[in-house]
Amino acid sequence: MSTSTQVMELFNIFSKTYSKEEAQTIVKDIEEISNIKSKELATRGDLREVELKLTKEIEAVRLKIEEAKSSTIKWVAGLLAAQAAAIIAAVIAIIFAFLK
């Protein structure tokens, strides 16, 4: 629990139904669970740190994608040039074949 006022309020609520010792035990258990759970919660700083890490990773992936795009464009351009050269060579071969 975060404040002694809240602890007292819980104690007063439970002491109406349970004995003083039982109410103290219940409130103590609730405090322990609350403390454990609060340690598991992410703070704004934790979230900001994760955000920065993810931003860096996303940027790295973007760079890899750009490199892959560039490489793919180079390959496609090269293959188109080779295909064009093959077609021109075939056309020239056909023309020479008809001229003979």
PDB file of N, CA and C in Angstrom:
ATOM      1  N   MET A   1       0.857  -1.168   0.000  1.00  0.00           N
ATOM      2  CA  MET A   1       0.000   0.000   0.000  1.00  0.00           C
ATOM      3  C   MET A   1       0.899   1.226   0.000  1.00  0.00           C
ATOM      4  N   SER A   2       0.374   2.300  -0.470  1.00  0.00           N
ATOM      5  CA  SER A   2       1.241   3.456  -0.629  1.00  0.00           C
ATOM      6  C   SER A   2       1.233   4.390   0.571  1.00  0.00           C
ATOM      7  N   THR A   3       0.161   4.469   1.328  1.00  0.00           N
ATOM      8  CA  THR A   3       0.138   5.395   2.461  1.00  0.00           C
ATOM      9  C   THR A   3      -0.396   4.704   3.698  1.00  0.00           C
ATOM     10  N   SER A   4      -0.018   5.256   4.856  1.00  0.00           N
ATOM     11  CA  SER A   4      -0.499   4.684   6.121  1.00  0.00           C
ATOM     12  C   SER A   4      -2.001   4.898   6.274  1.00  0.00           C
ATOM     13  N   THR A   5      -2.530   5.940   5.650  1.00  0.00           N
ATOM     14  CA  THR A   5      -3.971   6.191   5.715  1.00  0.00           C
ATOM     15  C   THR A   5      -4.726   5.053   5.037  1.00  0.00           C
ATOM     16  N   GLN A   6      -4.227   4.620   3.906  1.00  0.00           N
ATOM     17  CA  GLN A   6      -4.860   3.507   3.205  1.00  0.00           C
ATOM     18  C   GLN A   6      -4.767   2.224   4.015  1.00  0.00           C
ATOM     19  N   VAL A   7      -3.639   2.015   4.673  1.00  0.00           N
ATOM     20  CA  VAL A   7      -3.460   0.829   5.506  1.00  0.00           C
ATOM     21  C   VAL A   7      -4.468   0.849   6.645  1.00  0.00           C
ATOM     22  N   MET A   8      -4.629   2.002   7.268  1.00  0.00           N
ATOM     23  CA  MET A   8      -5.590   2.122   8.371  1.00  0.00           C
ATOM     24  C   MET A   8      -7.020   1.904   7.877  1.00  0.00           C
ATOM     25  N   GLU A   9      -7.333   2.424   6.707  1.00  0.00           N
ATOM     26  CA  GLU A   9      -8.671   2.228   6.154  1.00  0.00           C
ATOM     27  C   GLU A   9      -8.937   0.752   5.906  1.00  0.00           C
ATOM     28  N   LEU A  10      -7.953   0.062   5.338  1.00  0.00           N
ATOM     29  CA  LEU A  10      -8.108  -1.377   5.123  1.00  0.00           C
ATOM     30  C   LEU A  10      -8.270  -2.113   6.442  1.00  0.00           C
ATOM     31  N   PHE A  11      -7.435  -1.747   7.419  1.00  0.00           N
ATOM     32  CA  PHE A  11      -7.533  -2.396   8.724  1.00  0.00           C
ATOM     33  C   PHE A  11      -8.922  -2.187   9.323  1.00  0.00           C
ATOM     34  N   ASN A  12      -9.437  -0.970   9.236  1.00  0.00           N
ATOM     35  CA  ASN A  12     -10.768  -0.692   9.788  1.00  0.00           C
ATOM     36  C   ASN A  12     -11.841  -1.507   9.072  1.00  0.00           C
ATOM     37  N   ILE A  13     -11.723  -1.643   7.781  1.00  0.00           N
ATOM     38  CA  ILE A  13     -12.702  -2.432   7.014  1.00  0.00           C
ATOM     39  C   ILE A  13     -12.660  -3.896   7.436  1.00  0.00           C
ATOM     40  N   PHE A  14     -11.449  -4.471   7.484  1.00  0.00           N
ATOM     41  CA  PHE A  14     -11.332  -5.887   7.831  1.00  0.00           C
ATOM     42  C   PHE A  14     -11.606  -6.158   9.311  1.00  0.00           C
ATOM     43  N   SER A  15     -11.330  -5.200  10.170  1.00  0.00           N
ATOM     44  CA  SER A  15     -11.558  -5.434  11.599  1.00  0.00           C
ATOM     45  C   SER A  15     -13.047  -5.482  11.934  1.00  0.00           C
ATOM     46  N   LYS A  16     -13.899  -5.004  11.047  1.00  0.00           N
ATOM     47  CA  LYS A  16     -15.347  -5.117  11.263  1.00  0.00           C
ATOM     48  C   LYS A  16     -15.805  -6.557  11.098  1.00  0.00           C
ATOM     49  N   THR A  17     -15.095  -7.323  10.256  1.00  0.00           N
ATOM     50  CA  THR A  17     -15.489  -8.694   9.962  1.00  0.00           C
ATOM     51  C   THR A  17     -14.603  -9.709  10.680  1.00  0.00           C
ATOM     52  N   TYR A  18     -13.325  -9.374  10.849  1.00  0.00           N
ATOM     53  CA  TYR A  18     -12.364 -10.306  11.426  1.00  0.00           C
ATOM     54  C   TYR A  18     -11.831  -9.760  12.748  1.00  0.00           C
ATOM     55  N   SER A  19     -11.126 -10.643  13.477  1.00  0.00           N
ATOM     56  CA  SER A  19     -10.503 -10.191  14.726  1.00  0.00           C
ATOM     57  C   SER A  19      -9.360  -9.236  14.402  1.00  0.00           C
ATOM     58  N   LYS A  20      -8.858  -8.545  15.423  1.00  0.00           N
ATOM     59  CA  LYS A  20      -7.783  -7.579  15.225  1.00  0.00           C
ATOM     60  C   LYS A  20      -6.557  -8.241  14.596  1.00  0.00           C
ATOM     61  N   GLU A  21      -6.183  -9.424  15.118  1.00  0.00           N
ATOM     62  CA  GLU A  21      -5.010 -10.137  14.600  1.00  0.00           C
ATOM     63  C   GLU A  21      -5.214 -10.576  13.156  1.00  0.00           C
ATOM     64  N   GLU A  22      -6.420 -11.081  12.860  1.00  0.00           N
ATOM     65  CA  GLU A  22      -6.702 -11.522  11.494  1.00  0.00           C
ATOM     66  C   GLU A  22      -6.689 -10.327  10.533  1.00  0.00           C
ATOM     67  N   ALA A  23      -7.267  -9.214  10.969  1.00  0.00           N
ATOM     68  CA  ALA A  23      -7.291  -8.009  10.132  1.00  0.00           C
ATOM     69  C   ALA A  23      -5.866  -7.530   9.867  1.00  0.00           C
ATOM     70  N   GLN A  24      -5.006  -7.549  10.906  1.00  0.00           N
ATOM     71  CA  GLN A  24      -3.614  -7.132  10.726  1.00  0.00           C
ATOM     72  C   GLN A  24      -2.895  -8.049   9.731  1.00  0.00           C
ATOM     73  N   THR A  25      -3.149  -9.344   9.856  1.00  0.00           N
ATOM     74  CA  THR A  25      -2.516 -10.312   8.950  1.00  0.00           C
ATOM     75  C   THR A  25      -2.971 -10.087   7.512  1.00  0.00           C
ATOM     76  N   ILE A  26      -4.265  -9.873   7.338  1.00  0.00           N
ATOM     77  CA  ILE A  26      -4.796  -9.652   5.985  1.00  0.00           C
ATOM     78  C   ILE A  26      -4.199  -8.392   5.375  1.00  0.00           C
ATOM     79  N   VAL A  27      -4.178  -7.304   6.167  1.00  0.00           N
ATOM     80  CA  VAL A  27      -3.641  -6.038   5.663  1.00  0.00           C
ATOM     81  C   VAL A  27      -2.153  -6.184   5.353  1.00  0.00           C
ATOM     82  N   LYS A  28      -1.428  -6.903   6.211  1.00  0.00           N
ATOM     83  CA  LYS A  28       0.000  -7.125   5.975  1.00  0.00           C
ATOM     84  C   LYS A  28       0.208  -7.912   4.681  1.00  0.00           C
ATOM     85  N   ASP A  29      -0.589  -8.940   4.467  1.00  0.00           N
ATOM     86  CA  ASP A  29      -0.484  -9.737   3.240  1.00  0.00           C
ATOM     87  C   ASP A  29      -0.787  -8.882   2.007  1.00  0.00           C
ATOM     88  N   ILE A  30      -1.810  -8.049   2.112  1.00  0.00           N
ATOM     89  CA  ILE A  30      -2.159  -7.171   0.989  1.00  0.00           C
ATOM     90  C   ILE A  30      -1.007  -6.213   0.694  1.00  0.00           C
ATOM     91  N   GLU A  31      -0.382  -5.680   1.738  1.00  0.00           N
ATOM     92  CA  GLU A  31       0.761  -4.773   1.551  1.00  0.00           C
ATOM     93  C   GLU A  31       1.915  -5.488   0.842  1.00  0.00           C
ATOM     94  N   GLU A  32       2.205  -6.710   1.269  1.00  0.00           N
ATOM     95  CA  GLU A  32       3.297  -7.461   0.651  1.00  0.00           C
ATOM     96  C   GLU A  32       3.011  -7.729  -0.829  1.00  0.00           C
ATOM     97  N   ILE A  33       1.799  -8.146  -1.124  1.00  0.00           N
ATOM     98  CA  ILE A  33       1.425  -8.402  -2.518  1.00  0.00           C
ATOM     99  C   ILE A  33       1.515  -7.121  -3.328  1.00  0.00           C
ATOM    100  N   SER A  34       1.042  -6.029  -2.750  1.00  0.00           N
ATOM    101  CA  SER A  34       1.085  -4.740  -3.436  1.00  0.00           C
ATOM    102  C   SER A  34       2.522  -4.318  -3.705  1.00  0.00           C
ATOM    103  N   ASN A  35       3.399  -4.506  -2.740  1.00  0.00           N
ATOM    104  CA  ASN A  35       4.816  -4.150  -2.919  1.00  0.00           C
ATOM    105  C   ASN A  35       5.466  -5.003  -3.999  1.00  0.00           C
ATOM    106  N   ILE A  36       5.165  -6.291  -4.007  1.00  0.00           N
ATOM    107  CA  ILE A  36       5.728  -7.181  -5.022  1.00  0.00           C
ATOM    108  C   ILE A  36       5.238  -6.773  -6.401  1.00  0.00           C
ATOM    109  N   LYS A  37       3.947  -6.524  -6.521  1.00  0.00           N
ATOM    110  CA  LYS A  37       3.380  -6.159  -7.814  1.00  0.00           C
ATOM    111  C   LYS A  37       3.902  -4.803  -8.287  1.00  0.00           C
ATOM    112  N   SER A  38       4.096  -3.866  -7.362  1.00  0.00           N
ATOM    113  CA  SER A  38       4.575  -2.547  -7.774  1.00  0.00           C
ATOM    114  C   SER A  38       6.005  -2.617  -8.307  1.00  0.00           C
ATOM    115  N   LYS A  39       6.780  -3.595  -7.840  1.00  0.00           N
ATOM    116  CA  LYS A  39       8.139  -3.764  -8.361  1.00  0.00           C
ATOM    117  C   LYS A  39       8.122  -4.317  -9.781  1.00  0.00           C
ATOM    118  N   GLU A  40       7.041  -5.012 -10.137  1.00  0.00           N
ATOM    119  CA  GLU A  40       6.926  -5.595 -11.466  1.00  0.00           C
ATOM    120  C   GLU A  40       6.429  -4.594 -12.505  1.00  0.00           C
ATOM    121  N   LEU A  41       5.875  -3.479 -12.052  1.00  0.00           N
ATOM    122  CA  LEU A  41       5.316  -2.504 -12.977  1.00  0.00           C
ATOM    123  C   LEU A  41       6.422  -1.722 -13.675  1.00  0.00           C
ATOM    124  N   ALA A  42       6.189  -1.399 -14.925  1.00  0.00           N
ATOM    125  CA  ALA A  42       7.147  -0.608 -15.685  1.00  0.00           C
ATOM    126  C   ALA A  42       6.956   0.872 -15.380  1.00  0.00           C
ATOM    127  N   THR A  43       8.060   1.566 -15.237  1.00  0.00           N
ATOM    128  CA  THR A  43       7.997   3.010 -15.022  1.00  0.00           C
ATOM    129  C   THR A  43       8.044   3.712 -16.372  1.00  0.00           C
ATOM    130  N   ARG A  44       7.818   4.996 -16.355  1.00  0.00           N
ATOM    131  CA  ARG A  44       7.924   5.771 -17.598  1.00  0.00           C
ATOM    132  C   ARG A  44       9.335   5.676 -18.167  1.00  0.00           C
ATOM    133  N   GLY A  45      10.309   5.673 -17.274  1.00  0.00           N
ATOM    134  CA  GLY A  45      11.700   5.536 -17.711  1.00  0.00           C
ATOM    135  C   GLY A  45      11.944   4.194 -18.387  1.00  0.00           C
ATOM    136  N   ASP A  46      11.371   3.127 -17.806  1.00  0.00           N
ATOM    137  CA  ASP A  46      11.501   1.795 -18.415  1.00  0.00           C
ATOM    138  C   ASP A  46      10.886   1.792 -19.809  1.00  0.00           C
ATOM    139  N   LEU A  47       9.704   2.374 -19.918  1.00  0.00           N
ATOM    140  CA  LEU A  47       9.022   2.403 -21.212  1.00  0.00           C
ATOM    141  C   LEU A  47       9.798   3.239 -22.224  1.00  0.00           C
ATOM    142  N   ARG A  48      10.360   4.345 -21.776  1.00  0.00           N
ATOM    143  CA  ARG A  48      11.146   5.207 -22.675  1.00  0.00           C
ATOM    144  C   ARG A  48      12.390   4.470 -23.173  1.00  0.00           C
ATOM    145  N   GLU A  49      13.019   3.723 -22.280  1.00  0.00           N
ATOM    146  CA  GLU A  49      14.208   2.949 -22.645  1.00  0.00           C
ATOM    147  C   GLU A  49      13.861   1.907 -23.705  1.00  0.00           C
ATOM    148  N   VAL A  50      12.761   1.209 -23.511  1.00  0.00           N
ATOM    149  CA  VAL A  50      12.320   0.208 -24.485  1.00  0.00           C
ATOM    150  C   VAL A  50      11.973   0.891 -25.805  1.00  0.00           C
ATOM    151  N   GLU A  51      11.317   2.036 -25.723  1.00  0.00           N
ATOM    152  CA  GLU A  51      10.962   2.777 -26.937  1.00  0.00           C
ATOM    153  C   GLU A  51      12.213   3.149 -27.732  1.00  0.00           C
ATOM    154  N   LEU A  52      13.244   3.626 -27.045  1.00  0.00           N
ATOM    155  CA  LEU A  52      14.487   4.004 -27.727  1.00  0.00           C
ATOM    156  C   LEU A  52      15.162   2.795 -28.370  1.00  0.00           C
ATOM    157  N   LYS A  53      15.172   1.665 -27.657  1.00  0.00           N
ATOM    158  CA  LYS A  53      15.774   0.452 -28.218  1.00  0.00           C
ATOM    159  C   LYS A  53      15.021   0.006 -29.464  1.00  0.00           C
ATOM    160  N   LEU A  54      13.694   0.027 -29.370  1.00  0.00           N
ATOM    161  CA  LEU A  54      12.888  -0.394 -30.519  1.00  0.00           C
ATOM    162  C   LEU A  54      13.060   0.558 -31.693  1.00  0.00           C
ATOM    163  N   THR A  55      13.172   1.845 -31.406  1.00  0.00           N
ATOM    164  CA  THR A  55      13.383   2.827 -32.472  1.00  0.00           C
ATOM    165  C   THR A  55      14.695   2.547 -33.196  1.00  0.00           C
ATOM    166  N   LYS A  56      15.744   2.241 -32.433  1.00  0.00           N
ATOM    167  CA  LYS A  56      17.035   1.910 -33.048  1.00  0.00           C
ATOM    168  C   LYS A  56      16.937   0.647 -33.895  1.00  0.00           C
ATOM    169  N   GLU A  57      16.238  -0.365 -33.375  1.00  0.00           N
ATOM    170  CA  GLU A  57      16.089  -1.610 -34.122  1.00  0.00           C
ATOM    171  C   GLU A  57      15.281  -1.390 -35.399  1.00  0.00           C
ATOM    172  N   ILE A  58      14.233  -0.596 -35.318  1.00  0.00           N
ATOM    173  CA  ILE A  58      13.417  -0.301 -36.497  1.00  0.00           C
ATOM    174  C   ILE A  58      14.253   0.422 -37.536  1.00  0.00           C
ATOM    175  N   GLU A  59      15.063   1.360 -37.098  1.00  0.00           N
ATOM    176  CA  GLU A  59      15.914   2.099 -38.040  1.00  0.00           C
ATOM    177  C   GLU A  59      16.923   1.169 -38.707  1.00  0.00           C
ATOM    178  N   ALA A  60      17.471   0.223 -37.936  1.00  0.00           N
ATOM    179  CA  ALA A  60      18.418  -0.742 -38.507  1.00  0.00           C
ATOM    180  C   ALA A  60      17.724  -1.606 -39.561  1.00  0.00           C
ATOM    181  N   VAL A  61      16.505  -2.014 -39.286  1.00  0.00           N
ATOM    182  CA  VAL A  61      15.747  -2.820 -40.257  1.00  0.00           C
ATOM    183  C   VAL A  61      15.449  -1.996 -41.502  1.00  0.00           C
ATOM    184  N   ARG A  62      15.096  -0.730 -41.313  1.00  0.00           N
ATOM    185  CA  ARG A  62      14.842   0.149 -42.467  1.00  0.00           C
ATOM    186  C   ARG A  62      16.073   0.254 -43.356  1.00  0.00           C
ATOM    187  N   LEU A  63      17.247   0.394 -42.741  1.00  0.00           N
ATOM    188  CA  LEU A  63      18.489   0.472 -43.524  1.00  0.00           C
ATOM    189  C   LEU A  63      18.732  -0.815 -44.300  1.00  0.00           C
ATOM    190  N   LYS A  64      18.483  -1.959 -43.663  1.00  0.00           N
ATOM    191  CA  LYS A  64      18.654  -3.234 -44.354  1.00  0.00           C
ATOM    192  C   LYS A  64      17.683  -3.357 -45.519  1.00  0.00           C
ATOM    193  N   ILE A  65      16.470  -2.888 -45.331  1.00  0.00           N
ATOM    194  CA  ILE A  65      15.486  -2.928 -46.416  1.00  0.00           C
ATOM    195  C   ILE A  65      15.942  -2.051 -47.575  1.00  0.00           C
ATOM    196  N   GLU A  66      16.458  -0.860 -47.253  1.00  0.00           N
ATOM    197  CA  GLU A  66      16.953   0.038 -48.309  1.00  0.00           C
ATOM    198  C   GLU A  66      18.117  -0.594 -49.062  1.00  0.00           C
ATOM    199  N   GLU A  67      19.006  -1.261 -48.329  1.00  0.00           N
ATOM    200  CA  GLU A  67      20.134  -1.934 -48.982  1.00  0.00           C
ATOM    201  C   GLU A  67      19.634  -3.054 -49.888  1.00  0.00           C
ATOM    202  N   ALA A  68      18.650  -3.799 -49.419  1.00  0.00           N
ATOM    203  CA  ALA A  68      18.095  -4.889 -50.221  1.00  0.00           C
ATOM    204  C   ALA A  68      17.413  -4.338 -51.471  1.00  0.00           C
ATOM    205  N   LYS A  69      16.697  -3.218 -51.310  1.00  0.00           N
ATOM    206  CA  LYS A  69      16.055  -2.585 -52.472  1.00  0.00           C
ATOM    207  C   LYS A  69      17.106  -2.181 -53.507  1.00  0.00           C
ATOM    208  N   SER A  70      18.140  -1.538 -53.035  1.00  0.00           N
ATOM    209  CA  SER A  70      19.201  -1.074 -53.926  1.00  0.00           C
ATOM    210  C   SER A  70      19.842  -2.242 -54.656  1.00  0.00           C
ATOM    211  N   SER A  71      20.130  -3.290 -53.925  1.00  0.00           N
ATOM    212  CA  SER A  71      20.743  -4.475 -54.531  1.00  0.00           C
ATOM    213  C   SER A  71      19.799  -5.109 -55.551  1.00  0.00           C
ATOM    214  N   THR A  72      18.530  -5.172 -55.219  1.00  0.00           N
ATOM    215  CA  THR A  72      17.543  -5.758 -56.136  1.00  0.00           C
ATOM    216  C   THR A  72      17.430  -4.935 -57.402  1.00  0.00           C
ATOM    217  N   ILE A  73      17.408  -3.628 -57.258  1.00  0.00           N
ATOM    218  CA  ILE A  73      17.330  -2.746 -58.431  1.00  0.00           C
ATOM    219  C   ILE A  73      18.548  -2.947 -59.327  1.00  0.00           C
ATOM    220  N   LYS A  74      19.730  -3.058 -58.728  1.00  0.00           N
ATOM    221  CA  LYS A  74      20.942  -3.283 -59.518  1.00  0.00           C
ATOM    222  C   LYS A  74      20.866  -4.604 -60.283  1.00  0.00           C
ATOM    223  N   TRP A  75      20.413  -5.666 -59.607  1.00  0.00           N
ATOM    224  CA  TRP A  75      20.283  -6.972 -60.254  1.00  0.00           C
ATOM    225  C   TRP A  75      19.274  -6.924 -61.388  1.00  0.00           C
ATOM    226  N   VAL A  76      18.135  -6.302 -61.143  1.00  0.00           N
ATOM    227  CA  VAL A  76      17.097  -6.237 -62.175  1.00  0.00           C
ATOM    228  C   VAL A  76      17.602  -5.428 -63.373  1.00  0.00           C
ATOM    229  N   ALA A  77      18.254  -4.315 -63.108  1.00  0.00           N
ATOM    230  CA  ALA A  77      18.790  -3.497 -64.201  1.00  0.00           C
ATOM    231  C   ALA A  77      19.823  -4.295 -65.000  1.00  0.00           C
ATOM    232  N   GLY A  78      20.673  -5.013 -64.320  1.00  0.00           N
ATOM    233  CA  GLY A  78      21.670  -5.835 -64.998  1.00  0.00           C
ATOM    234  C   GLY A  78      21.028  -6.932 -65.833  1.00  0.00           C
ATOM    235  N   LEU A  79      20.006  -7.579 -65.271  1.00  0.00           N
ATOM    236  CA  LEU A  79      19.318  -8.636 -66.010  1.00  0.00           C
ATOM    237  C   LEU A  79      18.563  -8.078 -67.216  1.00  0.00           C
ATOM    238  N   LEU A  80      17.974  -6.897 -67.050  1.00  0.00           N
ATOM    239  CA  LEU A  80      17.294  -6.268 -68.193  1.00  0.00           C
ATOM    240  C   LEU A  80      18.289  -5.936 -69.307  1.00  0.00           C
ATOM    241  N   ALA A  81      19.443  -5.440 -68.940  1.00  0.00           N
ATOM    242  CA  ALA A  81      20.474  -5.124 -69.931  1.00  0.00           C
ATOM    243  C   ALA A  81      20.946  -6.402 -70.632  1.00  0.00           C
ATOM    244  N   ALA A  82      21.143  -7.463 -69.868  1.00  0.00           N
ATOM    245  CA  ALA A  82      21.572  -8.735 -70.454  1.00  0.00           C
ATOM    246  C   ALA A  82      20.487  -9.296 -71.378  1.00  0.00           C
ATOM    247  N   GLN A  83      19.236  -9.178 -70.950  1.00  0.00           N
ATOM    248  CA  GLN A  83      18.134  -9.660 -71.770  1.00  0.00           C
ATOM    249  C   GLN A  83      18.033  -8.854 -73.066  1.00  0.00           C
ATOM    250  N   ALA A  84      18.178  -7.540 -72.940  1.00  0.00           N
ATOM    251  CA  ALA A  84      18.137  -6.681 -74.135  1.00  0.00           C
ATOM    252  C   ALA A  84      19.273  -7.057 -75.086  1.00  0.00           C
ATOM    253  N   ALA A  85      20.452  -7.291 -74.530  1.00  0.00           N
ATOM    254  CA  ALA A  85      21.591  -7.681 -75.365  1.00  0.00           C
ATOM    255  C   ALA A  85      21.330  -9.023 -76.038  1.00  0.00           C
ATOM    256  N   ALA A  86      20.721  -9.956 -75.335  1.00  0.00           N
ATOM    257  CA  ALA A  86      20.412 -11.273 -75.911  1.00  0.00           C
ATOM    258  C   ALA A  86      19.386 -11.136 -77.032  1.00  0.00           C
ATOM    259  N   ILE A  87      18.389 -10.299 -76.827  1.00  0.00           N
ATOM    260  CA  ILE A  87      17.364 -10.093 -77.856  1.00  0.00           C
ATOM    261  C   ILE A  87      17.985  -9.445 -79.093  1.00  0.00           C
ATOM    262  N   ILE A  88      18.806  -8.436 -78.890  1.00  0.00           N
ATOM    263  CA  ILE A  88      19.480  -7.765 -80.016  1.00  0.00           C
ATOM    264  C   ILE A  88      20.359  -8.752 -80.765  1.00  0.00           C
ATOM    265  N   ALA A  89      21.088  -9.586 -80.019  1.00  0.00           N
ATOM    266  CA  ALA A  89      21.948 -10.584 -80.664  1.00  0.00           C
ATOM    267  C   ALA A  89      21.110 -11.573 -81.461  1.00  0.00           C
ATOM    268  N   ALA A  90      19.967 -11.971 -80.932  1.00  0.00           N
ATOM    269  CA  ALA A  90      19.090 -12.906 -81.639  1.00  0.00           C
ATOM    270  C   ALA A  90      18.535 -12.261 -82.902  1.00  0.00           C
ATOM    271  N   VAL A  91      18.114 -11.011 -82.803  1.00  0.00           N
ATOM    272  CA  VAL A  91      17.582 -10.302 -83.973  1.00  0.00           C
ATOM    273  C   VAL A  91      18.670 -10.169 -85.039  1.00  0.00           C
ATOM    274  N   ILE A  92      19.874  -9.802 -84.640  1.00  0.00           N
ATOM    275  CA  ILE A  92      20.979  -9.679 -85.593  1.00  0.00           C
ATOM    276  C   ILE A  92      21.285 -11.023 -86.224  1.00  0.00           C
ATOM    277  N   ALA A  93      21.254 -12.086 -85.441  1.00  0.00           N
ATOM    278  CA  ALA A  93      21.510 -13.432 -85.973  1.00  0.00           C
ATOM    279  C   ALA A  93      20.447 -13.808 -86.984  1.00  0.00           C
ATOM    280  N   ILE A  94      19.197 -13.477 -86.699  1.00  0.00           N
ATOM    281  CA  ILE A  94      18.096 -13.794 -87.636  1.00  0.00           C
ATOM    282  C   ILE A  94      18.261 -12.980 -88.929  1.00  0.00           C
ATOM    283  N   ILE A  95      18.603 -11.710 -88.786  1.00  0.00           N
ATOM    284  CA  ILE A  95      18.798 -10.859 -89.966  1.00  0.00           C
ATOM    285  C   ILE A  95      19.916 -11.417 -90.832  1.00  0.00           C
ATOM    286  N   PHE A  96      21.057 -11.764 -90.260  1.00  0.00           N
ATOM    287  CA  PHE A  96      22.160 -12.340 -91.034  1.00  0.00           C
ATOM    288  C   PHE A  96      21.789 -13.663 -91.664  1.00  0.00           C
ATOM    289  N   ALA A  97      20.960 -14.419 -90.963  1.00  0.00           N
ATOM    290  CA  ALA A  97      20.536 -15.712 -91.513  1.00  0.00           C
ATOM    291  C   ALA A  97      19.683 -15.506 -92.764  1.00  0.00           C
ATOM    292  N   PHE A  98      18.834 -14.492 -92.749  1.00  0.00           N
ATOM    293  CA  PHE A  98      17.982 -14.213 -93.922  1.00  0.00           C
ATOM    294  C   PHE A  98      18.775 -13.578 -95.058  1.00  0.00           C
ATOM    295  N   LEU A  99      19.839 -12.830 -94.744  1.00  0.00           N
ATOM    296  CA  LEU A  99      20.633 -12.177 -95.780  1.00  0.00           C
ATOM    297  C   LEU A  99      21.487 -13.161 -96.558  1.00  0.00           C
ATOM    298  N   LYS A 100      21.777 -14.307 -96.033  1.00  0.00           N
ATOM    299  CA  LYS A 100      22.635 -15.277 -96.710  1.00  0.00           C
ATOM    300  C   LYS A 100      21.909 -15.968 -97.767  1.00  0.00           C
TER     301      LYS A 100
END
